PDB file of N, CA and C in Angstrom:
ATOM      1  N   MET A   1     -36.667  31.586 215.010  1.00  0.00           N
ATOM      2  CA  MET A   1     -36.750  31.734 213.575  1.00  0.00           C
ATOM      3  C   MET A   1     -35.450  31.236 212.967  1.00  0.00           C
ATOM      4  N   GLU A   2     -35.565  30.306 212.050  1.00  0.00           N
ATOM      5  CA  GLU A   2     -34.386  29.734 211.429  1.00  0.00           C
ATOM      6  C   GLU A   2     -34.108  30.411 210.098  1.00  0.00           C
ATOM      7  N   THR A   3     -32.844  30.490 209.758  1.00  0.00           N
ATOM      8  CA  THR A   3     -32.466  30.997 208.449  1.00  0.00           C
ATOM      9  C   THR A   3     -31.867  29.855 207.651  1.00  0.00           C
ATOM     10  N   TYR A   4     -32.215  29.778 206.408  1.00  0.00           N
ATOM     11  CA  TYR A   4     -31.744  28.707 205.538  1.00  0.00           C
ATOM     12  C   TYR A   4     -30.708  29.253 204.572  1.00  0.00           C
ATOM     13  N   GLN A   5     -29.614  28.551 204.437  1.00  0.00           N
ATOM     14  CA  GLN A   5     -28.554  28.953 203.519  1.00  0.00           C
ATOM     15  C   GLN A   5     -28.754  28.206 202.208  1.00  0.00           C
ATOM     16  N   PHE A   6     -29.356  28.860 201.214  1.00  0.00           N
ATOM     17  CA  PHE A   6     -29.605  28.203 199.940  1.00  0.00           C
ATOM     18  C   PHE A   6     -28.759  28.796 198.816  1.00  0.00           C
ATOM     19  N   THR A   7     -27.856  29.686 199.154  1.00  0.00           N
ATOM     20  CA  THR A   7     -26.968  30.264 198.148  1.00  0.00           C
ATOM     21  C   THR A   7     -25.530  29.932 198.495  1.00  0.00           C
ATOM     22  N   ASP A   8     -24.740  29.734 197.460  1.00  0.00           N
ATOM     23  CA  ASP A   8     -23.329  29.479 197.693  1.00  0.00           C
ATOM     24  C   ASP A   8     -22.520  30.729 197.365  1.00  0.00           C
ATOM     25  N   GLU A   9     -21.250  30.660 197.609  1.00  0.00           N
ATOM     26  CA  GLU A   9     -20.349  31.810 197.417  1.00  0.00           C
ATOM     27  C   GLU A   9     -20.311  32.255 195.952  1.00  0.00           C
ATOM     28  N   LYS A  10     -20.338  31.307 195.040  1.00  0.00           N
ATOM     29  CA  LYS A  10     -20.267  31.610 193.608  1.00  0.00           C
ATOM     30  C   LYS A  10     -21.507  32.376 193.140  1.00  0.00           C
ATOM     31  N   THR A  11     -22.683  31.958 193.608  1.00  0.00           N
ATOM     32  CA  THR A  11     -23.929  32.629 193.243  1.00  0.00           C
ATOM     33  C   THR A  11     -23.973  34.038 193.811  1.00  0.00           C
ATOM     34  N   LEU A  12     -23.550  34.199 195.060  1.00  0.00           N
ATOM     35  CA  LEU A  12     -23.535  35.532 195.663  1.00  0.00           C
ATOM     36  C   LEU A  12     -22.562  36.463 194.950  1.00  0.00           C
ATOM     37  N   ASP A  13     -21.448  35.927 194.481  1.00  0.00           N
ATOM     38  CA  ASP A  13     -20.486  36.729 193.727  1.00  0.00           C
ATOM     39  C   ASP A  13     -21.104  37.222 192.424  1.00  0.00           C
ATOM     40  N   LYS A  14     -21.811  36.358 191.722  1.00  0.00           N
ATOM     41  CA  LYS A  14     -22.510  36.762 190.487  1.00  0.00           C
ATOM     42  C   LYS A  14     -23.587  37.797 190.797  1.00  0.00           C
ATOM     43  N   PHE A  15     -24.293  37.595 191.917  1.00  0.00           N
ATOM     44  CA  PHE A  15     -25.351  38.510 192.346  1.00  0.00           C
ATOM     45  C   PHE A  15     -24.796  39.921 192.542  1.00  0.00           C
ATOM     46  N   TYR A  16     -23.672  40.031 193.251  1.00  0.00           N
ATOM     47  CA  TYR A  16     -23.090  41.348 193.499  1.00  0.00           C
ATOM     48  C   TYR A  16     -22.461  41.953 192.241  1.00  0.00           C
ATOM     49  N   LYS A  17     -21.996  41.121 191.323  1.00  0.00           N
ATOM     50  CA  LYS A  17     -21.489  41.640 190.048  1.00  0.00           C
ATOM     51  C   LYS A  17     -22.609  42.245 189.217  1.00  0.00           C
ATOM     52  N   ILE A  18     -23.773  41.606 189.217  1.00  0.00           N
ATOM     53  CA  ILE A  18     -24.926  42.146 188.494  1.00  0.00           C
ATOM     54  C   ILE A  18     -25.345  43.480 189.096  1.00  0.00           C
ATOM     55  N   ILE A  19     -25.370  43.562 190.423  1.00  0.00           N
ATOM     56  CA  ILE A  19     -25.754  44.809 191.094  1.00  0.00           C
ATOM     57  C   ILE A  19     -24.775  45.926 190.768  1.00  0.00           C
ATOM     58  N   SER A  20     -23.485  45.628 190.789  1.00  0.00           N
ATOM     59  CA  SER A  20     -22.507  46.673 190.485  1.00  0.00           C
ATOM     60  C   SER A  20     -22.584  47.107 189.031  1.00  0.00           C
ATOM     61  N   ALA A  21     -22.874  46.189 188.121  1.00  0.00           N
ATOM     62  CA  ALA A  21     -23.033  46.562 186.710  1.00  0.00           C
ATOM     63  C   ALA A  21     -24.257  47.452 186.521  1.00  0.00           C
ATOM     64  N   LYS A  22     -25.342  47.143 187.213  1.00  0.00           N
ATOM     65  CA  LYS A  22     -26.554  47.965 187.103  1.00  0.00           C
ATOM     66  C   LYS A  22     -26.332  49.356 187.694  1.00  0.00           C
ATOM     67  N   THR A  23     -25.621  49.458 188.806  1.00  0.00           N
ATOM     68  CA  THR A  23     -25.381  50.779 189.391  1.00  0.00           C
ATOM     69  C   THR A  23     -24.444  51.611 188.509  1.00  0.00           C
ATOM     70  N   ARG A  24     -23.528  50.970 187.795  1.00  0.00           N
ATOM     71  CA  ARG A  24     -22.689  51.709 186.847  1.00  0.00           C
ATOM     72  C   ARG A  24     -23.504  52.235 185.674  1.00  0.00           C
ATOM     73  N   ASN A  25     -24.614  51.571 185.351  1.00  0.00           N
ATOM     74  CA  ASN A  25     -25.466  52.001 184.248  1.00  0.00           C
ATOM     75  C   ASN A  25     -26.512  53.018 184.678  1.00  0.00           C
ATOM     76  N   GLY A  26     -26.429  53.515 185.901  1.00  0.00           N
ATOM     77  CA  GLY A  26     -27.320  54.591 186.327  1.00  0.00           C
ATOM     78  C   GLY A  26     -28.431  54.187 187.269  1.00  0.00           C
ATOM     79  N   PHE A  27     -28.523  52.925 187.628  1.00  0.00           N
ATOM     80  CA  PHE A  27     -29.552  52.495 188.564  1.00  0.00           C
ATOM     81  C   PHE A  27     -29.135  52.841 189.992  1.00  0.00           C
ATOM     82  N   VAL A  28     -30.120  53.061 190.854  1.00  0.00           N
ATOM     83  CA  VAL A  28     -29.909  53.375 192.262  1.00  0.00           C
ATOM     84  C   VAL A  28     -30.605  52.301 193.087  1.00  0.00           C
ATOM     85  N   ILE A  29     -29.955  51.856 194.163  1.00  0.00           N
ATOM     86  CA  ILE A  29     -30.535  50.828 195.022  1.00  0.00           C
ATOM     87  C   ILE A  29     -31.636  51.455 195.869  1.00  0.00           C
ATOM     88  N   VAL A  30     -32.855  50.911 195.732  1.00  0.00           N
ATOM     89  CA  VAL A  30     -34.003  51.405 196.486  1.00  0.00           C
ATOM     90  C   VAL A  30     -34.224  50.548 197.725  1.00  0.00           C
ATOM     91  N   GLU A  31     -34.108  49.240 197.557  1.00  0.00           N
ATOM     92  CA  GLU A  31     -34.333  48.318 198.670  1.00  0.00           C
ATOM     93  C   GLU A  31     -33.345  47.171 198.556  1.00  0.00           C
ATOM     94  N   HIS A  32     -32.790  46.759 199.696  1.00  0.00           N
ATOM     95  CA  HIS A  32     -31.772  45.710 199.704  1.00  0.00           C
ATOM     96  C   HIS A  32     -32.005  44.810 200.904  1.00  0.00           C
ATOM     97  N   ASN A  33     -31.904  43.495 200.713  1.00  0.00           N
ATOM     98  CA  ASN A  33     -32.063  42.552 201.798  1.00  0.00           C
ATOM     99  C   ASN A  33     -30.954  41.524 201.714  1.00  0.00           C
ATOM    100  N   GLU A  34     -30.181  41.387 202.779  1.00  0.00           N
ATOM    101  CA  GLU A  34     -29.067  40.439 202.813  1.00  0.00           C
ATOM    102  C   GLU A  34     -29.524  39.025 203.174  1.00  0.00           C
ATOM    103  N   LYS A  35     -30.545  38.928 204.031  1.00  0.00           N
ATOM    104  CA  LYS A  35     -30.987  37.612 204.485  1.00  0.00           C
ATOM    105  C   LYS A  35     -31.609  36.820 203.335  1.00  0.00           C
ATOM    106  N   LEU A  36     -32.554  37.414 202.640  1.00  0.00           N
ATOM    107  CA  LEU A  36     -33.090  36.851 201.400  1.00  0.00           C
ATOM    108  C   LEU A  36     -32.480  37.693 200.291  1.00  0.00           C
ATOM    109  N   PRO A  37     -31.462  37.212 199.620  1.00  0.00           N
ATOM    110  CA  PRO A  37     -30.706  38.093 198.719  1.00  0.00           C
ATOM    111  C   PRO A  37     -31.541  38.625 197.557  1.00  0.00           C
ATOM    112  N   TYR A  38     -31.982  39.866 197.723  1.00  0.00           N
ATOM    113  CA  TYR A  38     -32.651  40.567 196.620  1.00  0.00           C
ATOM    114  C   TYR A  38     -32.365  42.053 196.727  1.00  0.00           C
ATOM    115  N   VAL A  39     -32.452  42.713 195.575  1.00  0.00           N
ATOM    116  CA  VAL A  39     -32.240  44.155 195.493  1.00  0.00           C
ATOM    117  C   VAL A  39     -33.259  44.722 194.519  1.00  0.00           C
ATOM    118  N   VAL A  40     -33.877  45.830 194.890  1.00  0.00           N
ATOM    119  CA  VAL A  40     -34.746  46.569 193.979  1.00  0.00           C
ATOM    120  C   VAL A  40     -33.965  47.792 193.528  1.00  0.00           C
ATOM    121  N   LEU A  41     -33.798  47.923 192.211  1.00  0.00           N
ATOM    122  CA  LEU A  41     -33.038  49.030 191.626  1.00  0.00           C
ATOM    123  C   LEU A  41     -33.978  49.907 190.812  1.00  0.00           C
ATOM    124  N   SER A  42     -33.690  51.193 190.776  1.00  0.00           N
ATOM    125  CA  SER A  42     -34.545  52.133 190.061  1.00  0.00           C
ATOM    126  C   SER A  42     -33.688  53.099 189.255  1.00  0.00           C
ATOM    127  N   LYS A  43     -34.189  53.451 188.090  1.00  0.00           N
ATOM    128  CA  LYS A  43     -33.529  54.447 187.241  1.00  0.00           C
ATOM    129  C   LYS A  43     -34.565  55.514 186.903  1.00  0.00           C
ATOM    130  N   GLU A  44     -34.232  56.748 187.231  1.00  0.00           N
ATOM    131  CA  GLU A  44     -35.155  57.857 186.985  1.00  0.00           C
ATOM    132  C   GLU A  44     -35.263  58.146 185.489  1.00  0.00           C
ATOM    133  N   LYS A  45     -36.359  58.786 185.133  1.00  0.00           N
ATOM    134  CA  LYS A  45     -36.541  59.135 183.721  1.00  0.00           C
ATOM    135  C   LYS A  45     -35.608  60.271 183.339  1.00  0.00           C
ATOM    136  N   LYS A  46     -35.243  60.321 182.072  1.00  0.00           N
ATOM    137  CA  LYS A  46     -34.365  61.368 181.562  1.00  0.00           C
ATOM    138  C   LYS A  46     -35.167  62.330 180.700  1.00  0.00           C
ATOM    139  N   ALA A  47     -34.706  63.566 180.660  1.00  0.00           N
ATOM    140  CA  ALA A  47     -35.363  64.580 179.855  1.00  0.00           C
ATOM    141  C   ALA A  47     -34.881  64.498 178.408  1.00  0.00           C
ATOM    142  N   VAL A  48     -35.812  64.678 177.496  1.00  0.00           N
ATOM    143  CA  VAL A  48     -35.497  64.678 176.070  1.00  0.00           C
ATOM    144  C   VAL A  48     -35.462  66.135 175.612  1.00  0.00           C
ATOM    145  N   LYS A  49     -34.401  66.521 174.905  1.00  0.00           N
ATOM    146  CA  LYS A  49     -34.270  67.887 174.417  1.00  0.00           C
ATOM    147  C   LYS A  49     -35.099  68.043 173.138  1.00  0.00           C
ATOM    148  N   HIS A  50     -36.319  68.538 173.310  1.00  0.00           N
ATOM    149  CA  HIS A  50     -37.262  68.589 172.195  1.00  0.00           C
ATOM    150  C   HIS A  50     -36.868  69.603 171.126  1.00  0.00           C
ATOM    151  N   THR A  51     -36.259  70.719 171.505  1.00  0.00           N
ATOM    152  CA  THR A  51     -35.880  71.708 170.487  1.00  0.00           C
ATOM    153  C   THR A  51     -34.797  71.152 169.562  1.00  0.00           C
ATOM    154  N   PHE A  52     -33.855  70.411 170.113  1.00  0.00           N
ATOM    155  CA  PHE A  52     -32.814  69.774 169.317  1.00  0.00           C
ATOM    156  C   PHE A  52     -33.412  68.780 168.315  1.00  0.00           C
ATOM    157  N   HIS A  53     -34.335  67.958 168.794  1.00  0.00           N
ATOM    158  CA  HIS A  53     -34.941  66.946 167.931  1.00  0.00           C
ATOM    159  C   HIS A  53     -35.888  67.569 166.906  1.00  0.00           C
ATOM    160  N   LEU A  54     -36.547  68.663 167.259  1.00  0.00           N
ATOM    161  CA  LEU A  54     -37.391  69.357 166.291  1.00  0.00           C
ATOM    162  C   LEU A  54     -36.554  69.921 165.151  1.00  0.00           C
ATOM    163  N   LEU A  55     -35.393  70.472 165.478  1.00  0.00           N
ATOM    164  CA  LEU A  55     -34.493  70.997 164.455  1.00  0.00           C
ATOM    165  C   LEU A  55     -34.023  69.890 163.512  1.00  0.00           C
ATOM    166  N   PHE A  56     -33.596  68.752 164.080  1.00  0.00           N
ATOM    167  CA  PHE A  56     -33.164  67.623 163.241  1.00  0.00           C
ATOM    168  C   PHE A  56     -34.312  67.055 162.410  1.00  0.00           C
ATOM    169  N   THR A  57     -35.507  67.045 162.969  1.00  0.00           N
ATOM    170  CA  THR A  57     -36.664  66.553 162.225  1.00  0.00           C
ATOM    171  C   THR A  57     -36.933  67.441 161.017  1.00  0.00           C
ATOM    172  N   CYS A  58     -36.814  68.738 161.205  1.00  0.00           N
ATOM    173  CA  CYS A  58     -37.019  69.660 160.080  1.00  0.00           C
ATOM    174  C   CYS A  58     -35.913  69.522 159.034  1.00  0.00           C
ATOM    175  N   LEU A  59     -34.658  69.355 159.499  1.00  0.00           N
ATOM    176  CA  LEU A  59     -33.538  69.239 158.561  1.00  0.00           C
ATOM    177  C   LEU A  59     -33.565  67.936 157.755  1.00  0.00           C
ATOM    178  N   THR A  60     -34.097  66.878 158.329  1.00  0.00           N
ATOM    179  CA  THR A  60     -34.138  65.589 157.631  1.00  0.00           C
ATOM    180  C   THR A  60     -35.512  65.306 157.021  1.00  0.00           C
ATOM    181  N   PHE A  61     -36.336  66.339 156.914  1.00  0.00           N
ATOM    182  CA  PHE A  61     -37.669  66.237 156.315  1.00  0.00           C
ATOM    183  C   PHE A  61     -38.527  65.161 156.989  1.00  0.00           C
ATOM    184  N   GLY A  62     -38.446  65.085 158.302  1.00  0.00           N
ATOM    185  CA  GLY A  62     -39.309  64.205 159.080  1.00  0.00           C
ATOM    186  C   GLY A  62     -38.723  62.851 159.424  1.00  0.00           C
ATOM    187  N   LEU A  63     -37.615  62.459 158.829  1.00  0.00           N
ATOM    188  CA  LEU A  63     -37.053  61.138 159.106  1.00  0.00           C
ATOM    189  C   LEU A  63     -36.570  61.003 160.551  1.00  0.00           C
ATOM    190  N   TRP A  64     -36.072  62.084 161.120  1.00  0.00           N
ATOM    191  CA  TRP A  64     -35.553  62.043 162.486  1.00  0.00           C
ATOM    192  C   TRP A  64     -36.678  61.862 163.505  1.00  0.00           C
ATOM    193  N   SER A  65     -37.924  62.059 163.100  1.00  0.00           N
ATOM    194  CA  SER A  65     -39.044  61.913 164.040  1.00  0.00           C
ATOM    195  C   SER A  65     -39.153  60.488 164.558  1.00  0.00           C
ATOM    196  N   ILE A  66     -38.677  59.500 163.806  1.00  0.00           N
ATOM    197  CA  ILE A  66     -38.696  58.109 164.271  1.00  0.00           C
ATOM    198  C   ILE A  66     -37.784  57.961 165.495  1.00  0.00           C
ATOM    199  N   VAL A  67     -36.593  58.534 165.414  1.00  0.00           N
ATOM    200  CA  VAL A  67     -35.657  58.497 166.535  1.00  0.00           C
ATOM    201  C   VAL A  67     -36.228  59.277 167.712  1.00  0.00           C
ATOM    202  N   TRP A  68     -36.807  60.420 167.428  1.00  0.00           N
ATOM    203  CA  TRP A  68     -37.370  61.273 168.467  1.00  0.00           C
ATOM    204  C   TRP A  68     -38.478  60.546 169.233  1.00  0.00           C
ATOM    205  N   ILE A  69     -39.378  59.898 168.525  1.00  0.00           N
ATOM    206  CA  ILE A  69     -40.471  59.166 169.166  1.00  0.00           C
ATOM    207  C   ILE A  69     -39.931  57.995 169.990  1.00  0.00           C
ATOM    208  N   TYR A  70     -38.934  57.302 169.464  1.00  0.00           N
ATOM    209  CA  TYR A  70     -38.319  56.202 170.207  1.00  0.00           C
ATOM    210  C   TYR A  70     -37.713  56.702 171.517  1.00  0.00           C
ATOM    211  N   LEU A  71     -37.006  57.815 171.479  1.00  0.00           N
ATOM    212  CA  LEU A  71     -36.404  58.378 172.687  1.00  0.00           C
ATOM    213  C   LEU A  71     -37.459  58.824 173.699  1.00  0.00           C
ATOM    214  N   ILE A  72     -38.542  59.383 173.210  1.00  0.00           N
ATOM    215  CA  ILE A  72     -39.620  59.802 174.107  1.00  0.00           C
ATOM    216  C   ILE A  72     -40.206  58.594 174.821  1.00  0.00           C
ATOM    217  N   ILE A  73     -40.409  57.506 174.100  1.00  0.00           N
ATOM    218  CA  ILE A  73     -41.009  56.309 174.689  1.00  0.00           C
ATOM    219  C   ILE A  73     -40.064  55.643 175.683  1.00  0.00           C
ATOM    220  N   THR A  74     -38.785  55.515 175.340  1.00  0.00           N
ATOM    221  CA  THR A  74     -37.861  54.769 176.189  1.00  0.00           C
ATOM    222  C   THR A  74     -37.289  55.580 177.347  1.00  0.00           C
ATOM    223  N   LEU A  75     -37.016  56.856 177.160  1.00  0.00           N
ATOM    224  CA  LEU A  75     -36.355  57.636 178.203  1.00  0.00           C
ATOM    225  C   LEU A  75     -37.307  58.374 179.129  1.00  0.00           C
ATOM    226  N   SER A  76     -38.566  58.480 178.774  1.00  0.00           N
ATOM    227  CA  SER A  76     -39.486  59.303 179.549  1.00  0.00           C
ATOM    228  C   SER A  76     -40.228  58.543 180.643  1.00  0.00           C
ATOM    229  N   ARG A  77     -39.784  57.343 180.968  1.00  0.00           N
ATOM    230  CA  ARG A  77     -40.441  56.630 182.051  1.00  0.00           C
ATOM    231  C   ARG A  77     -39.418  56.098 183.055  1.00  0.00           C
ATOM    232  N   LYS A  78     -39.879  55.955 184.267  1.00  0.00           N
ATOM    233  CA  LYS A  78     -39.036  55.447 185.345  1.00  0.00           C
ATOM    234  C   LYS A  78     -38.966  53.922 185.220  1.00  0.00           C
ATOM    235  N   THR A  79     -37.775  53.369 185.424  1.00  0.00           N
ATOM    236  CA  THR A  79     -37.571  51.932 185.307  1.00  0.00           C
ATOM    237  C   THR A  79     -37.166  51.372 186.665  1.00  0.00           C
ATOM    238  N   SER A  80     -37.837  50.315 187.083  1.00  0.00           N
ATOM    239  CA  SER A  80     -37.496  49.624 188.326  1.00  0.00           C
ATOM    240  C   SER A  80     -37.343  48.138 188.034  1.00  0.00           C
ATOM    241  N   ILE A  81     -36.276  47.538 188.581  1.00  0.00           N
ATOM    242  CA  ILE A  81     -36.044  46.110 188.382  1.00  0.00           C
ATOM    243  C   ILE A  81     -35.737  45.441 189.710  1.00  0.00           C
ATOM    244  N   LEU A  82     -35.986  44.154 189.750  1.00  0.00           N
ATOM    245  CA  LEU A  82     -35.688  43.333 190.911  1.00  0.00           C
ATOM    246  C   LEU A  82     -34.635  42.316 190.501  1.00  0.00           C
ATOM    247  N   VAL A  83     -33.544  42.248 191.247  1.00  0.00           N
ATOM    248  CA  VAL A  83     -32.511  41.238 191.042  1.00  0.00           C
ATOM    249  C   VAL A  83     -32.486  40.410 192.314  1.00  0.00           C
ATOM    250  N   ALA A  84     -32.647  39.075 192.174  1.00  0.00           N
ATOM    251  CA  ALA A  84     -32.754  38.229 193.359  1.00  0.00           C
ATOM    252  C   ALA A  84     -32.213  36.838 193.087  1.00  0.00           C
ATOM    253  N   VAL A  85     -32.085  36.091 194.182  1.00  0.00           N
ATOM    254  CA  VAL A  85     -31.710  34.681 194.135  1.00  0.00           C
ATOM    255  C   VAL A  85     -32.894  33.898 194.678  1.00  0.00           C
ATOM    256  N   ASP A  86     -33.382  32.897 193.911  1.00  0.00           N
ATOM    257  CA  ASP A  86     -34.535  32.124 194.369  1.00  0.00           C
ATOM    258  C   ASP A  86     -34.107  30.997 195.307  1.00  0.00           C
ATOM    259  N   GLU A  87     -35.082  30.161 195.734  1.00  0.00           N
ATOM    260  CA  GLU A  87     -34.810  29.094 196.695  1.00  0.00           C
ATOM    261  C   GLU A  87     -33.842  28.044 196.166  1.00  0.00           C
ATOM    262  N   ASP A  88     -33.790  27.886 194.838  1.00  0.00           N
ATOM    263  CA  ASP A  88     -32.895  26.898 194.232  1.00  0.00           C
ATOM    264  C   ASP A  88     -31.491  27.433 194.006  1.00  0.00           C
ATOM    265  N   GLY A  89     -31.277  28.710 194.304  1.00  0.00           N
ATOM    266  CA  GLY A  89     -29.959  29.310 194.121  1.00  0.00           C
ATOM    267  C   GLY A  89     -29.748  29.900 192.742  1.00  0.00           C
ATOM    268  N   ASN A  90     -30.821  30.075 191.965  1.00  0.00           N
ATOM    269  CA  ASN A  90     -30.733  30.649 190.627  1.00  0.00           C
ATOM    270  C   ASN A  90     -30.926  32.158 190.672  1.00  0.00           C
ATOM    271  N   LEU A  91     -30.135  32.888 189.907  1.00  0.00           N
ATOM    272  CA  LEU A  91     -30.283  34.338 189.795  1.00  0.00           C
ATOM    273  C   LEU A  91     -31.390  34.665 188.806  1.00  0.00           C
ATOM    274  N   PHE A  92     -32.153  35.693 189.103  1.00  0.00           N
ATOM    275  CA  PHE A  92     -33.138  36.172 188.138  1.00  0.00           C
ATOM    276  C   PHE A  92     -33.316  37.672 188.256  1.00  0.00           C
ATOM    277  N   GLU A  93     -33.796  38.245 187.173  1.00  0.00           N
ATOM    278  CA  GLU A  93     -34.033  39.685 187.085  1.00  0.00           C
ATOM    279  C   GLU A  93     -35.414  39.880 186.520  1.00  0.00           C
ATOM    280  N   ASP A  94     -36.196  40.767 187.139  1.00  0.00           N
ATOM    281  CA  ASP A  94     -37.575  40.985 186.728  1.00  0.00           C
ATOM    282  C   ASP A  94     -37.899  42.469 186.804  1.00  0.00           C
ATOM    283  N   LYS A  95     -38.766  42.921 185.919  1.00  0.00           N
ATOM    284  CA  LYS A  95     -39.201  44.318 185.951  1.00  0.00           C
ATOM    285  C   LYS A  95     -40.238  44.499 187.045  1.00  0.00           C
ATOM    286  N   CYS A  96     -40.187  45.637 187.714  1.00  0.00           N
ATOM    287  CA  CYS A  96     -41.149  45.982 188.754  1.00  0.00           C
ATOM    288  C   CYS A  96     -42.085  47.051 188.217  1.00  0.00           C
ATOM    289  N   LEU A  97     -43.284  47.052 188.732  1.00  0.00           N
ATOM    290  CA  LEU A  97     -44.219  48.110 188.394  1.00  0.00           C
ATOM    291  C   LEU A  97     -43.837  49.359 189.183  1.00  0.00           C
ATOM    292  N   SER A  98     -43.847  50.501 188.512  1.00  0.00           N
ATOM    293  CA  SER A  98     -43.522  51.746 189.202  1.00  0.00           C
ATOM    294  C   SER A  98     -44.546  52.803 188.852  1.00  0.00           C
ATOM    295  N   ALA A  99     -44.798  53.653 189.806  1.00  0.00           N
ATOM    296  CA  ALA A  99     -45.809  54.696 189.603  1.00  0.00           C
ATOM    297  C   ALA A  99     -45.203  55.923 188.983  1.00  0.00           C
TER     298      ALA A  99
END
């Protein structure tokens, strides 16, 4: 079985910088492959403090409900992404389906 070197040092450096930036933002490495450079990263969902947002919604006569709904939609789901290098040596990032 032959291995093909299609990435250079500069591309791999950018690849690892992206991974370190994602892990600083709360992502966790789920799967990693050195031979075919790719990483699957996952970020768990966060809890929304509903009593706090209900209080603000009442105090602002319902205006805060827009922020509350946005937070429920964005923070209440698990996020998984794939960061990889393709055959041409280009970096790409794609969302993964998660259950």
